[in-house]
């Protein structure tokens, strides 16, 4: 039961990352919501096996990278790197939540 909830949270993390890219003009902090869900998954990982927990750590690191990019006058290359990593982590979390990759 709890394993299904964690998989749903993984899927919600991925959806929030994609929404961050698609709806970037909205004032809703989708990436921050995804970080909160990732922290919940990381905390519950001790009791329930979560597939590829390192992607949740990558998601948190990507959030700090995003804050750094927003704090400087960013070059487009840095923003493209953010988008590519965001899409990569989102796709991997979706695949893990549906058991496509082990």
N, C-alpha and C. Protein backbone atom coordinates (compact mmCIF):
# COMPACT_ATOMS: atom_id res chain seq x y z
N UNK A 1 0.83 -1.20 0.00
CA UNK A 1 0.00 0.00 0.00
C UNK A 1 0.87 1.26 0.00
N UNK A 2 1.84 1.30 0.92
CA UNK A 2 2.71 2.47 0.99
C UNK A 2 3.62 2.55 -0.22
N UNK A 3 3.99 1.39 -0.77
CA UNK A 3 4.85 1.38 -1.95
C UNK A 3 4.12 2.03 -3.13
N UNK A 4 2.83 1.78 -3.26
CA UNK A 4 2.06 2.42 -4.33
C UNK A 4 1.98 3.92 -4.12
N UNK A 5 1.87 4.36 -2.88
CA UNK A 5 1.84 5.79 -2.61
C UNK A 5 3.16 6.46 -2.98
N UNK A 6 4.26 5.76 -2.67
CA UNK A 6 5.57 6.33 -3.00
C UNK A 6 5.73 6.38 -4.52
N UNK A 7 5.27 5.38 -5.22
CA UNK A 7 5.34 5.41 -6.69
C UNK A 7 4.48 6.53 -7.25
N UNK A 8 3.34 6.77 -6.63
CA UNK A 8 2.50 7.89 -7.07
C UNK A 8 3.19 9.22 -6.79
N UNK A 9 3.90 9.31 -5.66
CA UNK A 9 4.65 10.54 -5.37
C UNK A 9 5.78 10.73 -6.35
N UNK A 10 6.43 9.63 -6.76
CA UNK A 10 7.46 9.74 -7.79
C UNK A 10 6.86 10.26 -9.08
N UNK A 11 5.70 9.77 -9.44
CA UNK A 11 5.03 10.23 -10.65
C UNK A 11 4.63 11.70 -10.52
N UNK A 12 4.16 12.11 -9.35
CA UNK A 12 3.82 13.52 -9.12
C UNK A 12 5.05 14.42 -9.21
N UNK A 13 6.20 13.93 -8.72
CA UNK A 13 7.44 14.69 -8.86
C UNK A 13 7.76 14.93 -10.32
N UNK A 14 7.64 13.90 -11.12
CA UNK A 14 7.93 14.02 -12.56
C UNK A 14 6.95 14.96 -13.24
N UNK A 15 5.67 14.86 -12.89
CA UNK A 15 4.67 15.75 -13.49
C UNK A 15 4.94 17.19 -13.09
N UNK A 16 5.33 17.42 -11.85
CA UNK A 16 5.65 18.79 -11.41
C UNK A 16 6.84 19.36 -12.17
N UNK A 17 7.85 18.52 -12.43
CA UNK A 17 9.00 18.99 -13.21
C UNK A 17 8.60 19.37 -14.62
N UNK A 18 7.75 18.57 -15.22
CA UNK A 18 7.30 18.88 -16.58
C UNK A 18 6.44 20.14 -16.58
N UNK A 19 5.58 20.28 -15.57
CA UNK A 19 4.76 21.50 -15.47
C UNK A 19 5.63 22.74 -15.24
N UNK A 20 6.76 22.57 -14.56
CA UNK A 20 7.68 23.70 -14.37
C UNK A 20 8.18 24.21 -15.71
N UNK A 21 8.40 23.30 -16.64
CA UNK A 21 8.90 23.70 -17.95
C UNK A 21 7.79 24.22 -18.85
N UNK A 22 6.62 23.60 -18.78
CA UNK A 22 5.52 23.97 -19.67
C UNK A 22 4.84 25.26 -19.21
N UNK A 23 4.62 25.37 -17.92
CA UNK A 23 3.88 26.52 -17.36
C UNK A 23 4.81 27.42 -16.56
N UNK A 24 5.90 27.82 -17.15
CA UNK A 24 6.91 28.60 -16.42
C UNK A 24 6.45 30.01 -16.09
N UNK A 25 5.45 30.52 -16.74
CA UNK A 25 4.97 31.88 -16.46
C UNK A 25 3.97 31.94 -15.31
N UNK A 26 3.50 30.78 -14.88
CA UNK A 26 2.59 30.76 -13.75
C UNK A 26 3.38 31.06 -12.48
N UNK A 27 2.72 31.51 -11.47
CA UNK A 27 3.40 31.83 -10.22
C UNK A 27 3.46 30.64 -9.27
N UNK A 28 3.05 29.47 -9.73
CA UNK A 28 3.07 28.27 -8.89
C UNK A 28 4.48 27.67 -8.96
N UNK A 29 5.13 27.48 -7.81
CA UNK A 29 6.50 26.91 -7.82
C UNK A 29 6.47 25.39 -7.94
N UNK A 30 6.30 24.89 -9.15
CA UNK A 30 6.18 23.45 -9.35
C UNK A 30 7.45 22.71 -8.93
N UNK A 31 8.60 23.30 -9.18
CA UNK A 31 9.85 22.63 -8.82
C UNK A 31 9.97 22.52 -7.31
N UNK A 32 9.54 23.53 -6.59
CA UNK A 32 9.57 23.48 -5.13
C UNK A 32 8.63 22.40 -4.60
N UNK A 33 7.47 22.24 -5.23
CA UNK A 33 6.55 21.17 -4.86
C UNK A 33 7.19 19.81 -5.10
N UNK A 34 7.88 19.68 -6.23
CA UNK A 34 8.57 18.42 -6.55
C UNK A 34 9.68 18.13 -5.53
N UNK A 35 10.37 19.17 -5.08
CA UNK A 35 11.42 18.98 -4.07
C UNK A 35 10.80 18.50 -2.76
N UNK A 36 9.68 19.07 -2.38
CA UNK A 36 9.00 18.63 -1.16
C UNK A 36 8.58 17.17 -1.23
N UNK A 37 8.03 16.78 -2.37
CA UNK A 37 7.65 15.37 -2.55
C UNK A 37 8.88 14.46 -2.55
N UNK A 38 9.98 14.92 -3.13
CA UNK A 38 11.21 14.13 -3.13
C UNK A 38 11.75 13.94 -1.73
N UNK A 39 11.65 14.95 -0.91
CA UNK A 39 12.12 14.82 0.48
C UNK A 39 11.26 13.80 1.22
N UNK A 40 9.96 13.80 0.97
CA UNK A 40 9.08 12.80 1.59
C UNK A 40 9.47 11.39 1.12
N UNK A 41 9.75 11.24 -0.17
CA UNK A 41 10.16 9.93 -0.70
C UNK A 41 11.49 9.50 -0.10
N UNK A 42 12.43 10.43 0.04
CA UNK A 42 13.74 10.09 0.61
C UNK A 42 13.59 9.67 2.07
N UNK A 43 12.75 10.37 2.83
CA UNK A 43 12.54 10.01 4.23
C UNK A 43 11.90 8.62 4.35
N UNK A 44 10.93 8.32 3.51
CA UNK A 44 10.26 7.03 3.56
C UNK A 44 11.05 5.91 2.89
N UNK A 45 12.15 6.21 2.26
CA UNK A 45 12.95 5.22 1.56
C UNK A 45 13.56 4.23 2.53
N UNK A 46 13.79 4.62 3.77
CA UNK A 46 14.41 3.72 4.74
C UNK A 46 13.52 2.53 5.05
N UNK A 47 12.21 2.74 5.07
CA UNK A 47 11.30 1.66 5.42
C UNK A 47 10.81 0.89 4.20
N UNK A 48 10.71 1.55 3.07
CA UNK A 48 10.21 0.91 1.86
C UNK A 48 11.23 1.10 0.76
N UNK A 49 11.47 0.08 0.01
CA UNK A 49 12.45 0.15 -1.06
C UNK A 49 11.94 1.04 -2.19
N UNK A 50 12.70 2.05 -2.50
CA UNK A 50 12.37 2.94 -3.60
C UNK A 50 13.40 2.70 -4.69
N UNK A 51 12.91 2.53 -5.90
CA UNK A 51 13.80 2.26 -7.02
C UNK A 51 14.56 3.54 -7.38
N UNK A 52 15.86 3.44 -7.45
CA UNK A 52 16.74 4.53 -7.90
C UNK A 52 16.49 5.82 -7.13
N UNK A 53 16.80 5.80 -5.86
CA UNK A 53 16.59 6.96 -4.99
C UNK A 53 17.49 8.13 -5.38
N UNK A 54 18.59 7.88 -6.09
CA UNK A 54 19.51 8.97 -6.42
C UNK A 54 18.87 10.02 -7.30
N UNK A 55 17.83 9.68 -8.06
CA UNK A 55 17.19 10.68 -8.90
C UNK A 55 16.45 11.73 -8.08
N UNK A 56 16.03 11.37 -6.88
CA UNK A 56 15.41 12.36 -6.01
C UNK A 56 16.46 13.32 -5.45
N UNK A 57 17.66 12.82 -5.20
CA UNK A 57 18.75 13.70 -4.81
C UNK A 57 19.15 14.61 -5.97
N UNK A 58 19.14 14.06 -7.19
CA UNK A 58 19.43 14.88 -8.37
C UNK A 58 18.40 15.99 -8.53
N UNK A 59 17.14 15.67 -8.24
CA UNK A 59 16.07 16.66 -8.35
C UNK A 59 16.30 17.81 -7.37
N UNK A 60 16.72 17.49 -6.16
CA UNK A 60 17.00 18.54 -5.17
C UNK A 60 18.21 19.36 -5.60
N UNK A 61 19.25 18.69 -6.11
CA UNK A 61 20.41 19.43 -6.61
C UNK A 61 20.07 20.31 -7.79
N UNK A 62 19.19 19.84 -8.64
CA UNK A 62 18.75 20.63 -9.79
C UNK A 62 17.99 21.86 -9.35
N UNK A 63 17.26 21.77 -8.23
CA UNK A 63 16.56 22.93 -7.71
C UNK A 63 17.54 24.01 -7.27
N UNK A 64 18.61 23.60 -6.58
CA UNK A 64 19.62 24.57 -6.18
C UNK A 64 20.33 25.16 -7.39
N UNK A 65 20.56 24.36 -8.42
CA UNK A 65 21.13 24.87 -9.66
C UNK A 65 20.20 25.91 -10.28
N UNK A 66 18.89 25.64 -10.25
CA UNK A 66 17.90 26.58 -10.79
C UNK A 66 17.93 27.90 -10.03
N UNK A 67 18.02 27.82 -8.71
CA UNK A 67 18.10 29.05 -7.91
C UNK A 67 19.36 29.83 -8.25
N UNK A 68 20.47 29.14 -8.49
CA UNK A 68 21.71 29.81 -8.87
C UNK A 68 21.57 30.47 -10.24
N UNK A 69 20.97 29.76 -11.19
CA UNK A 69 20.79 30.32 -12.53
C UNK A 69 19.88 31.55 -12.48
N UNK A 70 18.85 31.51 -11.64
CA UNK A 70 17.96 32.66 -11.52
C UNK A 70 18.62 33.84 -10.82
N UNK A 71 19.61 33.58 -9.97
CA UNK A 71 20.24 34.66 -9.22
C UNK A 71 21.29 35.43 -10.03
N UNK A 72 21.79 34.84 -11.09
CA UNK A 72 22.77 35.52 -11.93
C UNK A 72 22.10 35.91 -13.24
N UNK A 73 22.78 36.73 -14.01
CA UNK A 73 22.29 36.98 -15.37
C UNK A 73 22.71 35.78 -16.18
N UNK A 74 21.77 34.91 -16.38
CA UNK A 74 22.07 33.60 -16.94
C UNK A 74 22.30 33.67 -18.44
N UNK A 75 23.26 32.90 -18.85
CA UNK A 75 23.50 32.68 -20.26
C UNK A 75 22.48 31.63 -20.71
N UNK A 76 22.07 31.70 -21.95
CA UNK A 76 21.08 30.74 -22.43
C UNK A 76 21.54 29.31 -22.31
N UNK A 77 22.84 29.08 -22.39
CA UNK A 77 23.37 27.73 -22.27
C UNK A 77 23.05 27.14 -20.89
N UNK A 78 23.16 27.94 -19.83
CA UNK A 78 22.84 27.46 -18.49
C UNK A 78 21.36 27.12 -18.36
N UNK A 79 20.51 27.90 -19.00
CA UNK A 79 19.08 27.61 -18.96
C UNK A 79 18.75 26.37 -19.77
N UNK A 80 19.44 26.15 -20.87
CA UNK A 80 19.22 24.94 -21.67
C UNK A 80 19.67 23.71 -20.90
N UNK A 81 20.77 23.83 -20.17
CA UNK A 81 21.23 22.72 -19.34
C UNK A 81 20.18 22.37 -18.29
N UNK A 82 19.57 23.40 -17.69
CA UNK A 82 18.51 23.16 -16.71
C UNK A 82 17.33 22.42 -17.34
N UNK A 83 16.91 22.85 -18.51
CA UNK A 83 15.77 22.23 -19.18
C UNK A 83 16.08 20.77 -19.53
N UNK A 84 17.27 20.51 -20.04
CA UNK A 84 17.64 19.14 -20.42
C UNK A 84 17.66 18.23 -19.20
N UNK A 85 18.30 18.67 -18.12
CA UNK A 85 18.34 17.84 -16.92
C UNK A 85 16.96 17.67 -16.29
N UNK A 86 16.16 18.69 -16.36
CA UNK A 86 14.80 18.62 -15.82
C UNK A 86 13.99 17.57 -16.58
N UNK A 87 14.07 17.60 -17.89
CA UNK A 87 13.36 16.60 -18.70
C UNK A 87 13.90 15.19 -18.47
N UNK A 88 15.20 15.07 -18.35
CA UNK A 88 15.81 13.75 -18.12
C UNK A 88 15.34 13.15 -16.81
N UNK A 89 15.39 13.93 -15.74
CA UNK A 89 14.98 13.42 -14.43
C UNK A 89 13.49 13.11 -14.43
N UNK A 90 12.68 13.95 -15.08
CA UNK A 90 11.24 13.71 -15.13
C UNK A 90 10.93 12.41 -15.87
N UNK A 91 11.57 12.18 -16.99
CA UNK A 91 11.32 10.96 -17.76
C UNK A 91 11.78 9.73 -16.97
N UNK A 92 12.91 9.81 -16.33
CA UNK A 92 13.40 8.67 -15.55
C UNK A 92 12.47 8.37 -14.38
N UNK A 93 11.96 9.38 -13.70
CA UNK A 93 11.03 9.14 -12.60
C UNK A 93 9.72 8.54 -13.09
N UNK A 94 9.26 8.97 -14.24
CA UNK A 94 8.05 8.37 -14.81
C UNK A 94 8.29 6.90 -15.14
N UNK A 95 9.42 6.59 -15.75
CA UNK A 95 9.72 5.21 -16.08
C UNK A 95 9.86 4.34 -14.83
N UNK A 96 10.49 4.88 -13.77
CA UNK A 96 10.63 4.11 -12.55
C UNK A 96 9.29 3.92 -11.84
N UNK A 97 8.43 4.90 -11.91
CA UNK A 97 7.14 4.76 -11.24
C UNK A 97 6.24 3.74 -11.93
N UNK A 98 6.44 3.51 -13.21
CA UNK A 98 5.67 2.51 -13.93
C UNK A 98 6.42 1.18 -14.09
N UNK A 99 7.53 1.00 -13.40
CA UNK A 99 8.33 -0.23 -13.45
C UNK A 99 8.85 -0.53 -14.85
N UNK A 100 9.10 0.47 -15.64
CA UNK A 100 9.63 0.22 -16.99
C UNK A 100 11.11 -0.10 -16.96
N UNK A 101 11.81 0.48 -15.99
CA UNK A 101 13.26 0.25 -15.85
C UNK A 101 13.51 -0.19 -14.42
N UNK A 102 14.34 -1.17 -14.25
CA UNK A 102 14.70 -1.61 -12.90
C UNK A 102 16.14 -1.34 -12.62
